[in-house]
Amino acid sequence: MKPSLFIFQFFLLTFSFAQNNVILNDEFINNSNAWQEEKTGDGSTNVHDKRGFYIIQHKRNYEAWTAWKELEINENRDFEIEASFYKDNGVKNYGYGILWGGTDNNYYSFMITGNGYFCVGKVVDGDWTDITPDGWIKTNVVSEGNNKYNSLIARKKGGTYEFEINNTLVLKIKCGTFFGNKIGFNVNNKQRILVDWIRIKYLN
């Protein structure tokens, strides 16, 4: 086999593997992936196609605003969920982030705050429980304050999850099995969060 042909075929196989492992890649230029959109007195969610954001506005100073969609992920495989957030405005001592493996009242979540904390937890029958041993953990890798971008990664490898903030590993821990197929975002207290993009892929 000629070297150039071998390289070309290797490239095709690699490209095919990468494409087949992509579960979701959404930059919110439209709502073709059918994200939840609604508006109530408590808040609103909408895909702003002109700006390319999924905008989540929470107006209450209690509970969490969740925005999600149904997406089947094979939890027996290794996978990675990555999303980029822009904190537009709001309180700095409550969390926002990604959620996965969920039903309406049960899910896992990885969140950060505008004043530089993070936490991994789960909601069971509507009640929050920290998975991180010490609850909310202070870190210097969060871009603090309003008008700032932060990226989050939740990565499952074997029986362990790895969590990254702005491409820096901050935690390795076990989480548990899925409750359901809901994937998305949550925003606590009065905040306006813009999701720039989300990417989900298998790693094997």
Foldseek 3Di string as FASTA:
>chain_A
DDPVVVVVVVVVVVVVVQVVFWQDKAQLLDCPVPKDFDQDPQWTWDRPNVVRWTKTFGAAQFDKDWIWDFGDDDPQFKKKKKWKKAFADDDFPWWKFKWWLDDPFWTWTWIAGQVAWIFTWMGDNNDIDTPPPVGIDGDPLDNHDHRDMKMWMWIDDHQWTWIDINPHTDDIGGDDHGPHGIIGMMDHGGTMMIIRIMIMGTPD
